[in-house]
Amino acid sequence: MTKNEVIELVKSGRLRGFLPPEMAQYEVNVEQMGSYTGIVLVNPEQKSAAYPVFNLDRAMERLQFINSEEEVAELLAGSMNRFIQAAPQGNIDIEGLREKLSSYEAAKPYIFMDAVSHNYSNDRAVVYEKNGMKFVPKLMVSNGTQERSVSAIPKEWLLRQGISEERLIQDAISNTANVTSVSINSMSDIFSNMNADFEISAMPETMLVVTNANKTGGASLILDDNVRQRVSELYGGNDFFVIPSSIHEVITLPVGNTILSPASTFSPFQPDSETLQSIMEMVSEVNETLEDEEILGYSVSIYDADKHELEKGTEYCINKQIDKVRNLRINELKEMGEIQPDIKPDNDNPKL
């Protein structure tokens, strides 16, 4: 059956006859949930709330090969029942979702950037790539302490609103901290609070974890320069490595021989090829323990606190080497008396 035929089947009410009694009493509706079509069960006594949304598009991968309406209704009802049983408890404010999607200005306070797998692909959603990592602007439908419900912002809805993808991306980045809250903690403190039964003394005290309050998709917060500056301040205003731990978090380490505490502790993490190779090997090892959908990336980035830029680790190192050579050459010229220390060369007056 085609997707439209299945939608009509759902709207006809025939699906209810295959649902268990506790679900059959609910209204069965079809809703456009951002980037996908969803089936929602709404309590007739509380029409503003619904069960977690069942993804019809995903179910169509199987249903499209079946021609019998009765068989499709039975299979779909069974899949929905298993989904509802496994889904986190809690209702979705369906009326609130419709209101949020009524206009871009209504949706804007709830738009944020979510981290996704480096292999993520969705032609209907806006995807922002940065240094081998992928992020998707999404709408926060509901956000509890233990669970959340989100929906990707579809391109077609954005087009109807007359909003460019570039504006959506910038709004999502700048709004992420407001929607999801920022969490920055040292790795050693995290494991100490977990009462982990293993040695953590070898773990660098300057290793920080950046994520959000829900610890879900929180790696996207590293796109916010205000968050990056907060991390930099914890490192005495210096640059730092950004390690893609997973889509849920990034790990940071300070760059170079920078003083990090009153005890004059120095960072051993030099911005060179050897350090980058070592960190990337660590990233690869960690990624092998993750599901593919949770892998953020394999490349290491470095934040330049002066430029306010998140650069690829290799490019950062090359640029620093170029700057180092340039400064050495300038100092040599100063010592030779060819240029005066406090006067910049003037292209129009070479003698200066």
Protein backbone atom coordinates (compact mmCIF):
# COMPACT_ATOMS: atom_id res chain seq x y z
CA MET A 1 0.00 0.00 0.00
CA THR A 2 1.07 3.57 -0.56
CA LYS A 3 1.59 6.00 2.30
CA ASN A 4 -1.54 7.97 1.37
CA GLU A 5 -3.58 4.76 1.38
CA VAL A 6 -2.30 3.87 4.84
CA ILE A 7 -3.11 7.39 6.08
CA GLU A 8 -6.68 7.03 4.80
CA LEU A 9 -6.88 3.65 6.49
CA VAL A 10 -5.85 5.21 9.80
CA LYS A 11 -8.28 8.11 9.40
CA SER A 12 -11.15 5.71 8.64
CA GLY A 13 -10.92 4.31 12.17
CA ARG A 14 -10.35 0.71 11.07
CA LEU A 15 -7.01 0.65 12.88
CA ARG A 16 -8.77 1.01 16.24
CA GLY A 17 -10.30 -2.45 15.89
CA PHE A 18 -6.83 -4.02 16.03
CA LEU A 19 -5.57 -2.02 19.01
CA PRO A 20 -5.71 -3.36 22.60
CA PRO A 21 -8.68 -2.07 24.66
CA GLU A 22 -6.66 0.50 26.64
CA MET A 23 -5.50 2.08 23.37
CA ALA A 24 -8.66 1.58 21.31
CA GLN A 25 -10.53 4.19 23.41
CA TYR A 26 -8.13 6.89 22.17
CA GLU A 27 -8.63 8.97 19.05
CA VAL A 28 -6.18 7.97 16.32
CA ASN A 29 -4.90 10.96 14.34
CA VAL A 30 -2.29 11.60 11.66
CA GLU A 31 -0.06 14.63 12.24
CA GLN A 32 2.87 16.17 10.37
CA MET A 33 5.61 16.15 13.00
CA GLY A 34 8.29 18.35 11.52
CA SER A 35 10.29 16.13 9.18
CA TYR A 36 8.09 13.02 9.38
CA THR A 37 4.44 11.90 9.42
CA GLY A 38 3.32 10.64 12.80
CA ILE A 39 0.37 8.72 14.22
CA VAL A 40 -0.80 9.99 17.60
CA LEU A 41 -3.28 8.58 20.09
CA VAL A 42 -5.21 11.35 21.82
CA ASN A 43 -7.27 10.93 24.97
CA PRO A 44 -10.79 12.16 24.09
CA GLU A 45 -11.14 13.53 27.62
CA GLN A 46 -7.88 15.48 27.35
CA LYS A 47 -7.53 16.45 23.70
CA SER A 48 -4.52 18.67 24.26
CA ALA A 49 -2.36 15.67 25.16
CA ALA A 50 -1.17 12.63 23.22
CA TYR A 51 0.97 9.54 23.56
CA PRO A 52 4.52 9.68 22.15
CA VAL A 53 4.30 9.97 18.36
CA PHE A 54 4.62 6.83 16.23
CA ASN A 55 6.74 7.37 13.10
CA LEU A 56 4.59 6.27 10.13
CA ASP A 57 7.34 6.95 7.58
CA ARG A 58 9.58 4.38 9.22
CA ALA A 59 6.74 1.83 9.34
CA MET A 60 6.14 2.32 5.60
CA GLU A 61 9.45 0.60 4.86
CA ARG A 62 7.59 -2.63 5.64
CA LEU A 63 3.96 -1.77 4.89
CA GLN A 64 4.57 -0.64 1.32
CA PHE A 65 4.98 -4.27 0.22
CA ILE A 66 1.59 -5.38 1.62
CA ASN A 67 -1.64 -4.93 -0.37
CA SER A 68 -4.20 -6.24 2.10
CA GLU A 69 -5.80 -3.44 4.15
CA GLU A 70 -6.64 -5.84 6.96
CA GLU A 71 -3.09 -7.16 7.14
CA VAL A 72 -1.67 -3.61 7.08
CA ALA A 73 -4.04 -2.52 9.88
CA GLU A 74 -3.10 -5.54 12.00
CA LEU A 75 0.65 -5.11 11.49
CA LEU A 76 0.50 -1.34 12.05
CA ALA A 77 -1.55 -1.71 15.22
CA GLY A 78 0.89 -4.33 16.54
CA SER A 79 3.88 -2.09 15.82
CA MET A 80 2.20 0.89 17.49
CA ASN A 81 1.33 -1.19 20.56
CA ARG A 82 4.94 -2.34 20.96
CA PHE A 83 6.13 1.24 20.45
CA ILE A 84 3.78 2.64 23.10
CA GLN A 85 4.75 -0.06 25.59
CA ALA A 86 8.45 0.70 25.13
CA ALA A 87 8.14 4.50 24.91
CA PRO A 88 8.82 6.69 27.97
CA GLN A 89 5.68 7.55 29.86
CA GLY A 90 4.32 11.06 29.53
CA ASN A 91 2.03 12.90 27.17
CA ILE A 92 2.90 15.26 24.34
CA ASP A 93 1.12 18.61 24.18
CA ILE A 94 -0.22 18.20 20.65
CA GLU A 95 -2.11 21.50 20.67
CA GLY A 96 1.02 23.23 21.87
CA LEU A 97 2.96 21.69 19.00
CA ARG A 98 0.46 22.99 16.46
CA GLU A 99 0.72 26.44 18.03
CA LYS A 100 4.52 26.40 17.93
CA LEU A 101 4.48 25.52 14.23
CA SER A 102 1.91 28.20 13.38
CA SER A 103 4.69 30.67 12.48
CA TYR A 104 8.45 31.05 12.66
CA GLU A 105 8.23 33.65 15.43
CA ALA A 106 6.05 31.28 17.47
CA ALA A 107 8.52 28.43 16.92
CA LYS A 108 11.74 30.43 17.40
CA PRO A 109 11.91 30.29 21.24
CA TYR A 110 11.81 26.48 21.00
CA ILE A 111 14.30 26.03 18.15
CA PHE A 112 17.69 24.64 19.09
CA MET A 113 20.63 22.76 17.53
CA ASP A 114 20.85 19.03 18.15
CA ALA A 115 23.94 16.88 17.53
CA VAL A 116 23.45 13.89 15.22
CA SER A 117 25.58 11.05 13.88
CA HIS A 118 28.34 11.87 11.39
CA ASN A 119 26.48 9.54 9.01
CA TYR A 120 23.13 11.28 9.45
CA SER A 121 21.21 11.85 6.22
CA ASN A 122 17.77 13.45 5.81
CA ASP A 123 16.89 15.35 2.65
CA ARG A 124 13.89 16.97 4.35
CA ALA A 125 15.86 18.39 7.27
CA VAL A 126 18.44 21.18 7.42
CA VAL A 127 21.86 19.72 8.26
CA TYR A 128 24.74 21.89 9.47
CA GLU A 129 28.26 20.45 9.22
CA LYS A 130 31.26 21.64 11.20
CA ASN A 131 34.71 19.99 11.23
CA GLY A 132 33.38 16.53 10.40
CA MET A 133 30.46 16.81 12.85
CA LYS A 134 26.77 17.15 11.93
CA PHE A 135 24.01 19.09 13.66
CA VAL A 136 20.29 19.55 12.92
CA PRO A 137 18.04 22.47 13.94
CA LYS A 138 15.09 21.01 15.85
CA LEU A 139 11.95 22.07 17.65
CA MET A 140 11.70 21.22 21.36
CA VAL A 141 8.19 19.79 21.72
CA SER A 142 8.57 18.90 25.39
CA ASN A 143 11.57 18.77 27.70
CA GLY A 144 11.34 16.92 31.02
CA THR A 145 14.07 16.02 33.47
CA GLN A 146 14.19 12.40 32.30
CA GLU A 147 12.95 12.61 28.72
CA ARG A 148 12.32 14.98 25.86
CA SER A 149 10.39 15.08 22.60
CA VAL A 150 11.85 16.88 19.59
CA SER A 151 11.15 17.31 15.89
CA ALA A 152 13.55 18.29 13.10
CA ILE A 153 12.63 21.53 11.33
CA PRO A 154 11.53 20.50 7.79
CA LYS A 155 12.82 22.47 4.82
CA GLU A 156 9.34 22.77 3.29
CA TRP A 157 7.96 24.40 6.46
CA LEU A 158 10.92 26.79 6.52
CA LEU A 159 10.27 27.71 2.89
CA ARG A 160 6.61 28.44 3.64
CA GLN A 161 7.72 30.75 6.45
CA GLY A 162 10.10 32.62 4.13
CA ILE A 163 13.10 31.89 6.35
CA SER A 164 16.55 31.02 4.99
CA GLU A 165 18.46 27.97 6.19
CA GLU A 166 21.33 30.26 7.23
CA ARG A 167 19.06 32.22 9.58
CA LEU A 168 17.60 29.03 11.02
CA ILE A 169 21.09 27.68 11.74
CA GLN A 170 22.22 30.87 13.47
CA ASP A 171 19.01 31.12 15.50
CA ALA A 172 19.31 27.47 16.51
CA ILE A 173 22.94 27.83 17.62
CA SER A 174 22.34 31.00 19.63
CA ASN A 175 19.19 29.56 21.26
CA THR A 176 20.47 26.10 22.19
CA ALA A 177 21.75 27.07 25.64
CA ASN A 178 18.40 28.69 26.46
CA VAL A 179 16.39 25.64 25.38
CA THR A 180 18.57 22.83 26.75
CA SER A 181 20.74 24.42 29.50
CA VAL A 182 24.53 24.10 29.65
CA SER A 183 26.45 21.62 31.78
CA ILE A 184 30.25 21.94 32.07
CA ASN A 185 31.98 19.63 34.55
CA SER A 186 35.39 18.10 35.02
CA MET A 187 35.66 14.45 34.05
CA SER A 188 37.18 13.56 37.43
CA ASP A 189 34.22 15.14 39.28
CA ILE A 190 31.74 13.25 37.11
CA PHE A 191 33.31 9.89 37.91
CA SER A 192 33.72 10.80 41.57
CA ASN A 193 30.00 11.56 41.83
CA MET A 194 29.25 8.21 40.18
CA ASN A 195 31.36 6.46 42.86
CA ALA A 196 33.15 4.68 40.04
CA ASP A 197 35.13 1.66 41.20
CA PHE A 198 38.30 2.34 39.25
CA GLU A 199 41.42 4.50 39.40
CA ILE A 200 40.91 8.06 38.12
CA SER A 201 44.11 9.64 39.43
CA ALA A 202 45.69 9.45 35.94
CA MET A 203 42.81 11.38 34.41
CA PRO A 204 43.76 15.00 33.67
CA GLU A 205 41.98 17.36 36.07
CA THR A 206 41.65 19.82 33.19
CA MET A 207 39.55 17.42 31.09
CA LEU A 208 36.06 18.99 30.91
CA VAL A 209 32.77 17.56 29.62
CA VAL A 210 30.40 19.90 27.79
CA THR A 211 26.80 18.72 27.44
CA ASN A 212 23.22 19.74 28.29
CA ALA A 213 20.96 19.11 31.26
CA ASN A 214 19.41 15.97 29.68
CA LYS A 215 22.77 14.60 28.51
CA THR A 216 21.08 14.09 25.11
CA GLY A 217 22.42 15.61 21.89
CA GLY A 218 24.39 18.02 24.06
CA ALA A 219 27.52 18.11 21.89
CA SER A 220 25.83 20.86 19.87
CA LEU A 221 26.50 23.38 22.66
CA ILE A 222 30.12 23.62 21.51
CA LEU A 223 28.84 25.60 18.49
CA ASP A 224 27.83 28.46 20.80
CA ASP A 225 30.71 30.91 21.20
CA ASN A 226 29.40 32.02 24.59
CA VAL A 227 29.77 28.43 25.80
CA ARG A 228 33.24 28.17 24.25
CA GLN A 229 34.31 31.37 26.00
CA ARG A 230 33.11 29.95 29.31
CA VAL A 231 35.31 26.90 28.75
CA SER A 232 38.22 29.11 27.74
CA GLU A 233 37.84 31.14 30.94
CA LEU A 234 38.15 27.92 32.95
CA TYR A 235 41.48 27.45 31.14
CA GLY A 236 42.66 30.94 32.00
CA GLY A 237 41.43 32.43 28.73
CA ASN A 238 43.45 30.02 26.60
CA ASP A 239 42.73 27.82 23.57
CA PHE A 240 41.52 24.24 23.97
CA PHE A 241 41.05 20.95 22.13
CA VAL A 242 37.50 19.79 21.35
CA ILE A 243 37.16 15.99 21.30
CA PRO A 244 33.95 14.46 19.81
CA SER A 245 33.09 11.98 22.57
CA SER A 246 29.57 11.26 21.23
CA ILE A 247 26.52 13.18 19.98
CA HIS A 248 25.69 13.73 23.64
CA GLU A 249 28.87 15.49 24.73
CA VAL A 250 32.29 16.80 23.80
CA ILE A 251 35.44 16.65 25.91
CA THR A 252 37.85 19.58 26.11
CA LEU A 253 41.54 19.76 26.98
CA PRO A 254 43.72 22.89 27.26
CA VAL A 255 46.27 23.68 24.56
CA GLY A 256 49.98 24.11 25.08
CA ASN A 257 52.14 25.27 27.99
CA THR A 258 49.49 27.37 29.68
CA ILE A 259 49.32 27.95 33.42
CA LEU A 260 46.03 26.46 34.59
CA SER A 261 46.00 26.92 38.35
CA PRO A 262 47.68 28.79 41.22
CA ALA A 263 49.87 25.69 41.61
CA SER A 264 51.29 26.44 38.15
CA THR A 265 50.20 23.15 36.59
CA PHE A 266 51.11 22.97 32.92
CA SER A 267 49.19 21.29 30.13
CA PRO A 268 51.12 18.59 28.27
CA PHE A 269 48.81 18.79 25.26
CA GLN A 270 50.82 20.60 22.62
CA PRO A 271 49.13 21.69 19.37
CA ASP A 272 51.19 19.45 17.12
CA SER A 273 50.72 16.47 14.83
CA GLU A 274 51.84 13.98 17.47
CA THR A 275 49.24 15.15 19.98
CA LEU A 276 46.50 15.25 17.35
CA GLN A 277 47.32 11.73 16.23
CA SER A 278 47.24 10.48 19.80
CA ILE A 279 43.87 12.10 20.51
CA MET A 280 42.35 10.88 17.23
CA GLU A 281 43.42 7.33 18.06
CA MET A 282 41.64 7.69 21.38
CA VAL A 283 38.51 8.97 19.60
CA SER A 284 38.54 5.98 17.24
CA GLU A 285 38.80 3.57 20.16
CA VAL A 286 35.87 5.21 21.94
CA ASN A 287 33.76 5.25 18.76
CA GLU A 288 34.19 1.49 18.45
CA THR A 289 32.22 1.13 21.69
CA LEU A 290 29.33 3.30 20.45
CA GLU A 291 26.34 2.61 18.25
CA ASP A 292 26.82 4.25 14.85
CA GLU A 293 23.94 6.65 15.49
CA GLU A 294 25.79 8.05 18.53
CA ILE A 295 29.15 8.68 16.82
CA LEU A 296 29.66 12.42 16.46
CA GLY A 297 32.86 12.30 14.42
CA TYR A 298 36.51 11.32 14.25
CA SER A 299 38.26 14.68 13.82
CA VAL A 300 39.69 16.84 16.58
CA SER A 301 38.97 20.58 16.66
CA ILE A 302 40.75 23.38 18.50
CA TYR A 303 39.11 26.57 19.71
CA ASP A 304 41.09 29.76 19.13
CA ALA A 305 39.98 32.02 21.99
CA ASP A 306 41.39 35.20 20.40
CA LYS A 307 39.76 34.62 17.01
CA HIS A 308 36.60 33.12 18.55
CA GLU A 309 36.82 30.32 15.98
CA LEU A 310 36.46 26.55 16.21
CA GLU A 311 39.08 25.30 13.75
CA LYS A 312 40.07 21.87 12.52
CA GLY A 313 42.97 20.65 14.61
CA THR A 314 45.28 20.27 11.60
CA GLU A 315 44.51 23.76 10.29
CA TYR A 316 45.03 25.29 13.73
CA CYS A 317 48.46 23.67 14.05
CA ILE A 318 49.52 24.77 10.57
CA ASN A 319 48.37 28.34 11.21
CA LYS A 320 50.26 28.46 14.52
CA GLN A 321 53.43 27.24 12.82
CA ILE A 322 53.05 29.92 10.14
CA ASP A 323 52.56 32.56 12.83
CA LYS A 324 55.61 31.28 14.68
CA VAL A 325 57.81 31.49 11.58
CA ARG A 326 56.45 34.95 10.76
CA ASN A 327 57.17 36.22 14.27
CA LEU A 328 60.70 34.79 14.19
CA ARG A 329 61.35 36.53 10.89
CA ILE A 330 60.03 39.84 12.22
CA ASN A 331 62.27 39.54 15.28
CA GLU A 332 65.26 38.80 13.05
CA LEU A 333 64.53 41.89 10.98
CA LYS A 334 64.19 43.96 14.14
CA GLU A 335 67.57 42.77 15.38
CA MET A 336 69.11 43.60 12.01
CA GLY A 337 67.64 47.08 12.23
CA GLU A 338 65.73 46.69 8.96
CA ILE A 339 62.41 47.59 10.62
CA GLN A 340 61.69 49.55 13.77
CA PRO A 341 59.99 47.54 16.52
CA ASP A 342 57.02 49.84 17.03
CA ILE A 343 56.41 50.88 13.40
CA LYS A 344 54.50 48.66 10.98
CA PRO A 345 55.87 48.51 7.41
CA ASP A 346 53.98 50.88 5.07
CA ASN A 347 53.32 49.47 1.61
CA ASP A 348 53.31 52.98 0.14
CA ASN A 349 56.60 53.86 1.84
CA PRO A 350 58.89 50.82 1.71
CA LYS A 351 61.71 52.64 3.49
CA LEU A 352 59.62 52.82 6.61
